[in-house]
């Protein structure tokens, strides 16, 4: 008798799929070719030889760095802020509607970090849930948000950083995105 089994190594949410669609359109408009791979088929050679965009959190992408050198770290149903600045929280939690159980607030992290080879960069676009991942991609590909990110990075932007985005969710879709914090990352 067949039965449904959750398979974390095969998981892709709609937010990750929608995010990939946004990235594909973004690169096509820029006239840039993009190679798409499942995280389980990507290799260290890919990360050594190319700049890489990783879409999705640890549940859907095993390449997402989980390291204490990053200020914002996704874990379970919360986001940990290892280096809270004034006015920031230590934890940002996913909130669910108490009646329906649907997400109402997700959190997304945009990370631009050093790659594994000199001169290479890895961008990670991830949320606590799939809706947060979709929002992270929208934040870097939609001019309304990417311009806000550029302005917030100021005139002398850090090359490497993490940005935290609050995501209000309506009917399983990111409805409102708010940039909450930007933390520069040290260069290696």
N, C-alpha and C. Protein backbone atom coordinates (compact mmCIF):
# COMPACT_ATOMS: atom_id res chain seq x y z
N UNK A 1 0.85 -1.18 0.00
CA UNK A 1 0.00 0.00 0.00
C UNK A 1 0.90 1.25 0.00
N UNK A 2 0.76 2.17 -0.98
CA UNK A 2 1.61 3.36 -1.03
C UNK A 2 1.25 4.33 0.09
N UNK A 3 2.25 5.10 0.52
CA UNK A 3 2.02 6.13 1.52
C UNK A 3 2.98 7.29 1.26
N UNK A 4 2.63 8.45 1.78
CA UNK A 4 3.40 9.66 1.58
C UNK A 4 4.47 9.76 2.66
N UNK A 5 5.71 9.98 2.23
CA UNK A 5 6.83 10.12 3.16
C UNK A 5 7.53 11.44 2.85
N UNK A 6 7.74 12.26 3.86
CA UNK A 6 8.46 13.52 3.68
C UNK A 6 9.91 13.21 3.36
N UNK A 7 10.44 13.82 2.33
CA UNK A 7 11.81 13.57 1.88
C UNK A 7 12.58 14.88 1.84
N UNK A 8 13.34 15.22 2.88
CA UNK A 8 14.03 16.51 2.92
C UNK A 8 15.03 16.69 1.77
N UNK A 9 15.62 15.62 1.27
CA UNK A 9 16.58 15.79 0.19
C UNK A 9 15.92 16.07 -1.16
N UNK A 10 14.62 15.95 -1.25
CA UNK A 10 13.91 16.24 -2.49
C UNK A 10 12.96 17.43 -2.35
N UNK A 11 13.01 18.15 -1.25
CA UNK A 11 12.05 19.21 -0.95
C UNK A 11 12.34 20.48 -1.75
N UNK A 12 11.33 21.01 -2.40
CA UNK A 12 11.34 22.34 -2.98
C UNK A 12 9.96 22.92 -2.78
N UNK A 13 9.92 24.09 -2.15
CA UNK A 13 8.63 24.74 -1.94
C UNK A 13 8.27 25.63 -3.11
N UNK A 14 7.05 26.09 -3.12
CA UNK A 14 6.60 27.01 -4.17
C UNK A 14 7.39 28.31 -4.13
N UNK A 15 7.77 28.76 -2.95
CA UNK A 15 8.55 29.99 -2.86
C UNK A 15 9.90 29.86 -3.55
N UNK A 16 10.54 28.70 -3.40
CA UNK A 16 11.81 28.47 -4.09
C UNK A 16 11.59 28.44 -5.60
N UNK A 17 10.51 27.79 -6.04
CA UNK A 17 10.20 27.73 -7.47
C UNK A 17 9.89 29.12 -8.02
N UNK A 18 9.08 29.88 -7.30
CA UNK A 18 8.77 31.25 -7.73
C UNK A 18 10.03 32.11 -7.73
N UNK A 19 10.87 31.91 -6.73
CA UNK A 19 12.14 32.64 -6.67
C UNK A 19 13.01 32.36 -7.88
N UNK A 20 13.08 31.10 -8.26
CA UNK A 20 13.86 30.73 -9.44
C UNK A 20 13.30 31.40 -10.70
N UNK A 21 11.98 31.48 -10.79
CA UNK A 21 11.37 32.16 -11.92
C UNK A 21 11.79 33.63 -11.96
N UNK A 22 11.75 34.30 -10.78
CA UNK A 22 12.16 35.71 -10.72
C UNK A 22 13.63 35.87 -11.10
N UNK A 23 14.49 34.99 -10.61
CA UNK A 23 15.92 35.07 -10.95
C UNK A 23 16.16 34.85 -12.44
N UNK A 24 15.47 33.88 -13.02
CA UNK A 24 15.61 33.61 -14.45
C UNK A 24 15.23 34.83 -15.27
N UNK A 25 14.11 35.46 -14.94
CA UNK A 25 13.69 36.68 -15.64
C UNK A 25 14.70 37.81 -15.45
N UNK A 26 15.19 37.96 -14.22
CA UNK A 26 16.15 39.02 -13.90
C UNK A 26 17.41 38.88 -14.75
N UNK A 27 17.99 37.67 -14.78
CA UNK A 27 19.21 37.45 -15.55
C UNK A 27 18.95 37.56 -17.05
N UNK A 28 17.79 37.12 -17.51
CA UNK A 28 17.45 37.23 -18.94
C UNK A 28 17.37 38.71 -19.35
N UNK A 29 16.73 39.54 -18.51
CA UNK A 29 16.65 40.98 -18.81
C UNK A 29 18.04 41.61 -18.87
N UNK A 30 18.96 41.11 -18.06
CA UNK A 30 20.33 41.63 -18.03
C UNK A 30 21.20 41.01 -19.13
N UNK A 31 20.63 40.08 -19.91
CA UNK A 31 21.39 39.44 -20.98
C UNK A 31 22.46 38.48 -20.47
N UNK A 32 22.24 37.95 -19.28
CA UNK A 32 23.21 37.04 -18.66
C UNK A 32 22.66 35.63 -18.64
N UNK A 33 23.54 34.69 -18.96
CA UNK A 33 23.15 33.28 -18.92
C UNK A 33 23.24 32.77 -17.48
N UNK A 34 22.32 31.88 -17.15
CA UNK A 34 22.28 31.32 -15.80
C UNK A 34 22.20 29.81 -15.92
N UNK A 35 23.01 29.12 -15.13
CA UNK A 35 22.95 27.66 -15.07
C UNK A 35 22.21 27.29 -13.79
N UNK A 36 21.19 26.47 -13.89
CA UNK A 36 20.38 26.07 -12.74
C UNK A 36 20.70 24.63 -12.40
N UNK A 37 20.97 24.39 -11.12
CA UNK A 37 21.22 23.03 -10.64
C UNK A 37 20.49 22.80 -9.35
N UNK A 38 20.10 21.56 -9.11
CA UNK A 38 19.61 21.19 -7.79
C UNK A 38 20.80 21.25 -6.85
N UNK A 39 20.55 21.61 -5.60
CA UNK A 39 21.67 21.73 -4.67
C UNK A 39 22.42 20.41 -4.51
N UNK A 40 21.71 19.30 -4.61
CA UNK A 40 22.39 18.00 -4.42
C UNK A 40 23.27 17.63 -5.60
N UNK A 41 23.12 18.32 -6.75
CA UNK A 41 24.00 18.03 -7.89
C UNK A 41 25.09 19.08 -8.05
N UNK A 42 25.03 20.16 -7.27
CA UNK A 42 26.10 21.16 -7.31
C UNK A 42 27.34 20.59 -6.60
N UNK A 43 28.49 21.05 -7.02
CA UNK A 43 29.73 20.52 -6.46
C UNK A 43 30.61 21.65 -5.95
N UNK A 44 31.65 21.28 -5.24
CA UNK A 44 32.62 22.28 -4.80
C UNK A 44 33.30 22.94 -5.99
N UNK A 45 33.43 22.22 -7.10
CA UNK A 45 34.00 22.80 -8.32
C UNK A 45 33.12 23.95 -8.81
N UNK A 46 31.80 23.79 -8.73
CA UNK A 46 30.90 24.87 -9.12
C UNK A 46 31.16 26.11 -8.26
N UNK A 47 31.31 25.90 -6.96
CA UNK A 47 31.53 27.02 -6.05
C UNK A 47 32.92 27.61 -6.20
N UNK A 48 33.89 26.82 -6.62
CA UNK A 48 35.24 27.35 -6.84
C UNK A 48 35.35 28.15 -8.12
N UNK A 49 34.60 27.75 -9.14
CA UNK A 49 34.78 28.34 -10.48
C UNK A 49 33.76 29.39 -10.87
N UNK A 50 32.74 29.61 -10.03
CA UNK A 50 31.66 30.53 -10.41
C UNK A 50 31.19 31.32 -9.19
N UNK A 51 30.60 32.49 -9.49
CA UNK A 51 29.79 33.15 -8.48
C UNK A 51 28.50 32.34 -8.42
N UNK A 52 27.92 32.17 -7.23
CA UNK A 52 26.78 31.27 -7.07
C UNK A 52 25.66 31.97 -6.30
N UNK A 53 24.42 31.72 -6.73
CA UNK A 53 23.24 32.16 -5.99
C UNK A 53 22.56 30.91 -5.47
N UNK A 54 22.45 30.79 -4.16
CA UNK A 54 21.77 29.66 -3.53
C UNK A 54 20.37 30.12 -3.12
N UNK A 55 19.37 29.38 -3.54
CA UNK A 55 17.98 29.74 -3.25
C UNK A 55 17.41 28.72 -2.28
N UNK A 56 16.95 29.21 -1.13
CA UNK A 56 16.33 28.34 -0.14
C UNK A 56 17.18 28.20 1.11
N UNK A 57 16.51 27.84 2.18
CA UNK A 57 17.17 27.66 3.45
C UNK A 57 17.73 26.26 3.61
N UNK A 58 18.17 25.94 4.82
CA UNK A 58 18.82 24.65 5.07
C UNK A 58 17.95 23.43 4.75
N UNK A 59 16.63 23.57 4.84
CA UNK A 59 15.76 22.43 4.56
C UNK A 59 15.82 22.02 3.09
N UNK A 60 15.95 23.01 2.20
CA UNK A 60 15.92 22.71 0.77
C UNK A 60 17.27 22.84 0.09
N UNK A 61 18.30 23.27 0.82
CA UNK A 61 19.58 23.51 0.18
C UNK A 61 20.71 23.22 1.17
N UNK A 62 21.41 22.10 0.98
CA UNK A 62 22.45 21.73 1.95
C UNK A 62 23.72 22.57 1.80
N UNK A 63 23.83 23.42 0.79
CA UNK A 63 24.99 24.30 0.64
C UNK A 63 24.85 25.57 1.45
N UNK A 64 23.67 25.85 1.97
CA UNK A 64 23.48 27.09 2.73
C UNK A 64 24.40 27.04 3.95
N UNK A 65 25.24 28.06 4.08
CA UNK A 65 26.20 28.03 5.20
C UNK A 65 25.51 28.15 6.54
N UNK A 66 25.89 27.30 7.46
CA UNK A 66 25.44 27.38 8.85
C UNK A 66 26.71 27.57 9.65
N UNK A 67 27.05 28.79 9.90
CA UNK A 67 28.32 29.09 10.53
C UNK A 67 28.17 30.22 11.53
N UNK A 68 28.95 30.16 12.55
CA UNK A 68 28.90 31.20 13.57
C UNK A 68 29.51 32.50 13.09
N UNK A 69 30.15 32.51 11.91
CA UNK A 69 30.72 33.74 11.39
C UNK A 69 29.66 34.64 10.77
N UNK A 70 28.45 34.12 10.57
CA UNK A 70 27.36 34.92 10.02
C UNK A 70 26.48 35.45 11.16
N UNK A 71 26.04 36.69 11.04
CA UNK A 71 25.20 37.27 12.09
C UNK A 71 23.80 36.66 12.11
N UNK A 72 23.21 36.47 10.92
CA UNK A 72 21.85 35.95 10.84
C UNK A 72 21.89 34.50 10.41
N UNK A 73 21.22 33.64 11.18
CA UNK A 73 21.24 32.20 10.92
C UNK A 73 19.81 31.66 11.05
N UNK A 74 19.35 30.99 10.00
CA UNK A 74 18.03 30.39 10.01
C UNK A 74 18.06 29.09 10.78
N UNK A 75 17.08 28.90 11.64
CA UNK A 75 17.03 27.65 12.38
C UNK A 75 15.61 27.31 12.79
N UNK A 76 15.07 26.26 12.23
CA UNK A 76 13.71 25.85 12.61
C UNK A 76 12.69 26.90 12.24
N UNK A 77 11.91 27.35 13.23
CA UNK A 77 10.88 28.35 12.97
C UNK A 77 11.30 29.74 13.44
N UNK A 78 12.61 29.96 13.52
CA UNK A 78 13.09 31.28 13.93
C UNK A 78 14.39 31.61 13.21
N UNK A 79 14.76 32.88 13.31
CA UNK A 79 16.01 33.36 12.79
C UNK A 79 16.81 33.90 13.96
N UNK A 80 18.04 33.46 14.09
CA UNK A 80 18.91 33.88 15.19
C UNK A 80 19.77 35.05 14.73
N UNK A 81 19.82 36.10 15.55
CA UNK A 81 20.69 37.25 15.31
C UNK A 81 21.84 37.16 16.31
N UNK A 82 23.00 36.71 15.85
CA UNK A 82 24.15 36.51 16.74
C UNK A 82 24.81 37.82 17.16
N UNK A 83 24.52 38.90 16.46
CA UNK A 83 25.19 40.17 16.74
C UNK A 83 24.16 41.30 16.71
N UNK A 84 23.19 41.28 17.65
CA UNK A 84 22.13 42.30 17.60
C UNK A 84 22.70 43.71 17.79
N UNK A 85 22.28 44.60 16.92
CA UNK A 85 22.62 46.01 17.01
C UNK A 85 21.52 46.70 17.81
N UNK A 86 21.72 47.94 18.22
CA UNK A 86 20.67 48.64 18.97
C UNK A 86 19.34 48.61 18.23
N UNK A 87 18.29 48.24 18.95
CA UNK A 87 16.94 48.16 18.39
C UNK A 87 16.62 46.83 17.71
N UNK A 88 17.60 45.92 17.61
CA UNK A 88 17.36 44.62 16.99
C UNK A 88 17.11 43.55 18.05
N UNK A 89 16.43 42.50 17.64
CA UNK A 89 16.15 41.38 18.53
C UNK A 89 17.21 40.28 18.36
N UNK A 90 17.26 39.38 19.33
CA UNK A 90 18.14 38.22 19.23
C UNK A 90 17.50 37.14 18.37
N UNK A 91 16.18 37.02 18.47
CA UNK A 91 15.43 36.04 17.67
C UNK A 91 14.28 36.72 16.95
N UNK A 92 14.07 36.27 15.72
CA UNK A 92 12.92 36.69 14.94
C UNK A 92 12.16 35.42 14.61
N UNK A 93 10.93 35.33 15.09
CA UNK A 93 10.15 34.10 14.97
C UNK A 93 9.10 34.17 13.87
N UNK A 94 8.90 33.04 13.22
CA UNK A 94 7.81 32.84 12.30
C UNK A 94 6.52 32.97 13.10
N UNK A 95 5.52 33.68 12.56
CA UNK A 95 4.23 33.72 13.24
C UNK A 95 3.17 33.10 12.34
N UNK A 96 2.27 32.38 12.99
CA UNK A 96 1.20 31.67 12.30
C UNK A 96 -0.15 32.18 12.79
N UNK A 97 -1.13 32.18 11.91
CA UNK A 97 -2.49 32.51 12.30
C UNK A 97 -2.96 31.45 13.28
N UNK A 98 -3.47 31.84 14.46
CA UNK A 98 -3.84 30.84 15.47
C UNK A 98 -5.00 29.93 15.06
N UNK A 99 -5.82 30.38 14.13
CA UNK A 99 -6.97 29.57 13.71
C UNK A 99 -6.61 28.67 12.53
N UNK A 100 -6.07 29.26 11.48
CA UNK A 100 -5.79 28.48 10.25
C UNK A 100 -4.43 27.79 10.29
N UNK A 101 -3.49 28.32 11.08
CA UNK A 101 -2.13 27.78 11.09
C UNK A 101 -1.29 28.25 9.92
N UNK A 102 -1.85 29.13 9.07
CA UNK A 102 -1.11 29.66 7.93
C UNK A 102 -0.11 30.71 8.41
N UNK A 103 1.03 30.82 7.73
CA UNK A 103 2.02 31.83 8.13
C UNK A 103 1.49 33.25 7.90
N UNK A 104 1.77 34.13 8.86
CA UNK A 104 1.41 35.54 8.72
C UNK A 104 2.65 36.43 8.64
N UNK A 105 3.72 36.02 9.29
CA UNK A 105 4.99 36.74 9.21
C UNK A 105 6.12 35.74 9.08
N UNK A 106 6.92 35.93 8.05
CA UNK A 106 8.13 35.12 7.82
C UNK A 106 9.31 36.09 7.86
N UNK A 107 10.50 35.56 7.87
CA UNK A 107 11.71 36.36 7.86
C UNK A 107 12.62 35.84 6.76
N UNK A 108 13.25 36.76 6.05
CA UNK A 108 14.15 36.40 4.96
C UNK A 108 15.53 36.98 5.22
N UNK A 109 16.54 36.28 4.74
CA UNK A 109 17.91 36.75 4.85
C UNK A 109 18.53 36.76 3.46
N UNK A 110 19.15 37.88 3.13
CA UNK A 110 19.94 38.01 1.91
C UNK A 110 21.39 38.05 2.37
N UNK A 111 22.17 37.08 1.95
CA UNK A 111 23.57 37.01 2.35
C UNK A 111 24.45 37.11 1.11
N UNK A 112 25.40 38.01 1.14
CA UNK A 112 26.45 38.07 0.12
C UNK A 112 27.75 37.83 0.87
N UNK A 113 28.33 36.65 0.66
CA UNK A 113 29.48 36.19 1.44
C UNK A 113 30.59 35.72 0.51
N UNK A 114 31.80 35.60 1.05
CA UNK A 114 32.89 35.10 0.22
C UNK A 114 32.62 33.67 -0.21
N UNK A 115 32.99 33.36 -1.45
CA UNK A 115 32.91 31.98 -1.93
C UNK A 115 34.07 31.17 -1.39
N UNK A 116 34.18 29.94 -1.87
CA UNK A 116 35.25 29.09 -1.34
C UNK A 116 36.58 29.32 -2.05
N UNK A 117 36.56 30.08 -3.14
CA UNK A 117 37.80 30.40 -3.85
C UNK A 117 37.97 31.92 -3.85
N UNK A 118 39.20 32.41 -3.86
CA UNK A 118 39.43 33.86 -3.89
C UNK A 118 38.72 34.51 -5.07
N UNK A 119 38.08 35.64 -4.80
CA UNK A 119 37.40 36.38 -5.85
C UNK A 119 35.99 35.89 -6.16
N UNK A 120 35.58 34.79 -5.58
CA UNK A 120 34.23 34.26 -5.82
C UNK A 120 33.30 34.70 -4.70
N UNK A 121 32.04 34.90 -5.06
CA UNK A 121 31.03 35.34 -4.10
C UNK A 121 29.85 34.38 -4.15
N UNK A 122 29.26 34.15 -2.98
CA UNK A 122 28.05 33.35 -2.87
C UNK A 122 26.95 34.25 -2.32
N UNK A 123 25.81 34.26 -3.02
CA UNK A 123 24.64 34.97 -2.52
C UNK A 123 23.64 33.90 -2.08
N UNK A 124 23.14 34.04 -0.86
CA UNK A 124 22.13 33.12 -0.35
C UNK A 124 20.84 33.91 -0.16
N UNK A 125 19.76 33.41 -0.75
CA UNK A 125 18.45 34.03 -0.65
C UNK A 125 17.54 33.01 0.03
N UNK A 126 17.24 33.24 1.31
CA UNK A 126 16.55 32.20 2.08
C UNK A 126 15.59 32.82 3.08
N UNK A 127 14.54 32.07 3.36
CA UNK A 127 13.58 32.46 4.39
C UNK A 127 13.40 31.32 5.37
N UNK A 128 12.74 31.62 6.47
CA UNK A 128 12.41 30.55 7.42
C UNK A 128 11.55 29.53 6.70
N UNK A 129 10.55 30.02 5.96
CA UNK A 129 9.68 29.16 5.18
C UNK A 129 9.82 29.56 3.71
N UNK A 130 9.12 28.84 2.89
CA UNK A 130 9.17 29.05 1.44
C UNK A 130 8.76 30.48 1.05
N UNK A 131 7.78 31.05 1.75
CA UNK A 131 7.33 32.41 1.44
C UNK A 131 8.45 33.42 1.69
N UNK A 132 9.25 33.18 2.74
CA UNK A 132 10.38 34.06 3.02
C UNK A 132 11.45 33.96 1.95
N UNK A 133 11.68 32.75 1.44
CA UNK A 133 12.65 32.58 0.35
C UNK A 133 12.20 33.34 -0.88
N UNK A 134 10.92 33.21 -1.24
CA UNK A 134 10.40 33.95 -2.39
C UNK A 134 10.60 35.45 -2.17
N UNK A 135 10.35 35.94 -0.97
CA UNK A 135 10.51 37.36 -0.67
C UNK A 135 11.97 37.80 -0.80
N UNK A 136 12.91 36.97 -0.36
CA UNK A 136 14.34 37.32 -0.47
C UNK A 136 14.72 37.52 -1.93
N UNK A 137 14.25 36.62 -2.80
CA UNK A 137 14.54 36.75 -4.23
C UNK A 137 13.88 38.01 -4.79
N UNK A 138 12.64 38.24 -4.43
CA UNK A 138 11.95 39.44 -4.91
C UNK A 138 12.69 40.70 -4.46
N UNK A 139 13.26 40.68 -3.26
CA UNK A 139 13.93 41.86 -2.74
C UNK A 139 15.16 42.23 -3.56
N UNK A 140 15.84 41.26 -4.15
CA UNK A 140 17.03 41.59 -4.95
C UNK A 140 16.73 41.71 -6.44
N UNK A 141 15.55 41.26 -6.90
CA UNK A 141 15.26 41.33 -8.33
C UNK A 141 14.21 42.38 -8.71
N UNK A 142 13.41 42.84 -7.77
CA UNK A 142 12.38 43.84 -8.03
C UNK A 142 12.98 45.22 -7.75
N UNK A 143 12.98 46.12 -8.74
CA UNK A 143 13.60 47.44 -8.54
C UNK A 143 13.07 48.22 -7.34
N UNK A 144 11.80 48.05 -6.99
CA UNK A 144 11.27 48.77 -5.81
C UNK A 144 12.07 48.44 -4.57
N UNK A 145 12.43 47.18 -4.42
CA UNK A 145 13.15 46.74 -3.22
C UNK A 145 14.66 46.83 -3.40
N UNK A 146 15.17 46.46 -4.56
CA UNK A 146 16.62 46.48 -4.75
C UNK A 146 17.18 47.90 -4.63
N UNK A 147 16.41 48.89 -5.08
CA UNK A 147 16.84 50.29 -4.92
C UNK A 147 16.86 50.67 -3.44
N UNK A 148 15.89 50.19 -2.68
CA UNK A 148 15.88 50.44 -1.24
C UNK A 148 17.11 49.80 -0.58
N UNK A 149 17.44 48.60 -1.00
CA UNK A 149 18.63 47.93 -0.47
C UNK A 149 19.88 48.73 -0.82
N UNK A 150 20.00 49.18 -2.07
CA UNK A 150 21.15 49.98 -2.48
C UNK A 150 21.26 51.27 -1.66
N UNK A 151 20.15 51.96 -1.45
CA UNK A 151 20.17 53.20 -0.65
C UNK A 151 20.60 52.90 0.78
N UNK A 152 20.13 51.80 1.33
CA UNK A 152 20.46 51.45 2.71
C UNK A 152 21.93 51.05 2.87
N UNK A 153 22.52 50.58 1.79
CA UNK A 153 23.94 50.22 1.85
C UNK A 153 24.84 51.45 1.81
N UNK A 154 24.26 52.61 1.53
CA UNK A 154 24.92 53.91 1.56
C UNK A 154 25.89 54.09 0.40
N UNK A 155 26.62 55.20 0.42
CA UNK A 155 27.53 55.55 -0.68
C UNK A 155 28.73 54.62 -0.76
N UNK A 156 29.18 54.11 0.36
CA UNK A 156 30.35 53.22 0.40
C UNK A 156 29.88 51.83 0.84
N UNK A 157 29.21 51.10 -0.06
CA UNK A 157 28.58 49.85 0.36
C UNK A 157 29.60 48.76 0.70
N UNK A 158 29.29 47.98 1.71
CA UNK A 158 30.15 46.81 1.96
C UNK A 158 29.96 45.82 0.83
N UNK A 159 31.03 45.20 0.41
CA UNK A 159 30.94 44.19 -0.65
C UNK A 159 30.21 42.95 -0.15
N UNK A 160 30.42 42.64 1.12
CA UNK A 160 29.84 41.44 1.74
C UNK A 160 28.93 41.88 2.87
N UNK A 161 27.72 41.30 2.93
CA UNK A 161 26.77 41.72 3.95
C UNK A 161 25.67 40.69 4.11
N UNK A 162 24.87 40.89 5.17
CA UNK A 162 23.61 40.18 5.34
C UNK A 162 22.53 41.22 5.57
N UNK A 163 21.38 40.99 4.94
CA UNK A 163 20.22 41.88 5.13
C UNK A 163 19.07 41.04 5.65
N UNK A 164 18.36 41.57 6.63
CA UNK A 164 17.21 40.91 7.23
C UNK A 164 15.95 41.60 6.74
N UNK A 165 14.98 40.82 6.26
CA UNK A 165 13.74 41.35 5.70
C UNK A 165 12.55 40.71 6.42
N UNK A 166 11.64 41.56 6.87
CA UNK A 166 10.38 41.09 7.46
C UNK A 166 9.39 40.87 6.32
N UNK A 167 8.71 39.74 6.34
CA UNK A 167 7.81 39.37 5.25
C UNK A 167 6.42 39.15 5.82
N UNK A 168 5.49 40.04 5.46
CA UNK A 168 4.09 39.84 5.82
C UNK A 168 3.49 38.94 4.75
N UNK A 169 2.84 37.86 5.18
CA UNK A 169 2.32 36.85 4.26
C UNK A 169 0.79 36.91 4.25
N UNK A 170 0.25 36.93 3.04
CA UNK A 170 -1.21 36.88 2.85
C UNK A 170 -1.50 35.79 1.82
N UNK A 171 -2.37 34.86 2.18
CA UNK A 171 -2.75 33.77 1.27
C UNK A 171 -1.53 33.08 0.66
N UNK A 172 -0.57 32.77 1.51
CA UNK A 172 0.63 32.01 1.14
C UNK A 172 1.57 32.78 0.22
N UNK A 173 1.40 34.10 0.11
CA UNK A 173 2.25 34.92 -0.76
C UNK A 173 2.88 36.05 0.04
N UNK A 174 4.14 36.41 -0.28
CA UNK A 174 4.72 37.60 0.36
C UNK A 174 3.92 38.82 -0.08
N UNK A 175 3.35 39.56 0.88
CA UNK A 175 2.50 40.70 0.56
C UNK A 175 3.19 42.03 0.84
N UNK A 176 4.01 42.07 1.87
CA UNK A 176 4.68 43.30 2.27
C UNK A 176 6.08 42.94 2.75
N UNK A 177 7.09 43.62 2.19
CA UNK A 177 8.48 43.35 2.55
C UNK A 177 9.10 44.60 3.17
N UNK A 178 9.74 44.42 4.32
CA UNK A 178 10.35 45.54 5.02
C UNK A 178 11.79 45.20 5.38
N UNK A 179 12.72 46.03 4.93
CA UNK A 179 14.12 45.86 5.29
C UNK A 179 14.29 46.25 6.76
N UNK A 180 14.78 45.32 7.57
CA UNK A 180 14.90 45.54 9.00
C UNK A 180 16.33 45.87 9.41
N UNK A 181 17.30 45.21 8.83
CA UNK A 181 18.69 45.42 9.23
C UNK A 181 19.64 45.00 8.12
N UNK A 182 20.80 45.66 8.13
CA UNK A 182 21.92 45.26 7.27
C UNK A 182 23.16 45.17 8.14
N UNK A 183 23.84 44.02 8.06
CA UNK A 183 25.09 43.81 8.78
C UNK A 183 26.21 43.55 7.80
N UNK A 184 27.24 44.40 7.78
CA UNK A 184 28.40 44.11 6.92
C UNK A 184 29.09 42.83 7.40
N UNK A 185 29.66 42.09 6.48
CA UNK A 185 30.45 40.90 6.81
C UNK A 185 31.91 41.21 6.56
N UNK A 186 32.79 40.69 7.40
CA UNK A 186 34.22 40.93 7.17
C UNK A 186 34.70 40.14 5.94
N UNK A 187 35.62 40.74 5.20
CA UNK A 187 36.24 40.03 4.07
C UNK A 187 37.27 39.07 4.62
N UNK A 188 37.42 37.95 3.93
CA UNK A 188 38.42 36.98 4.38
C UNK A 188 39.77 37.33 3.84
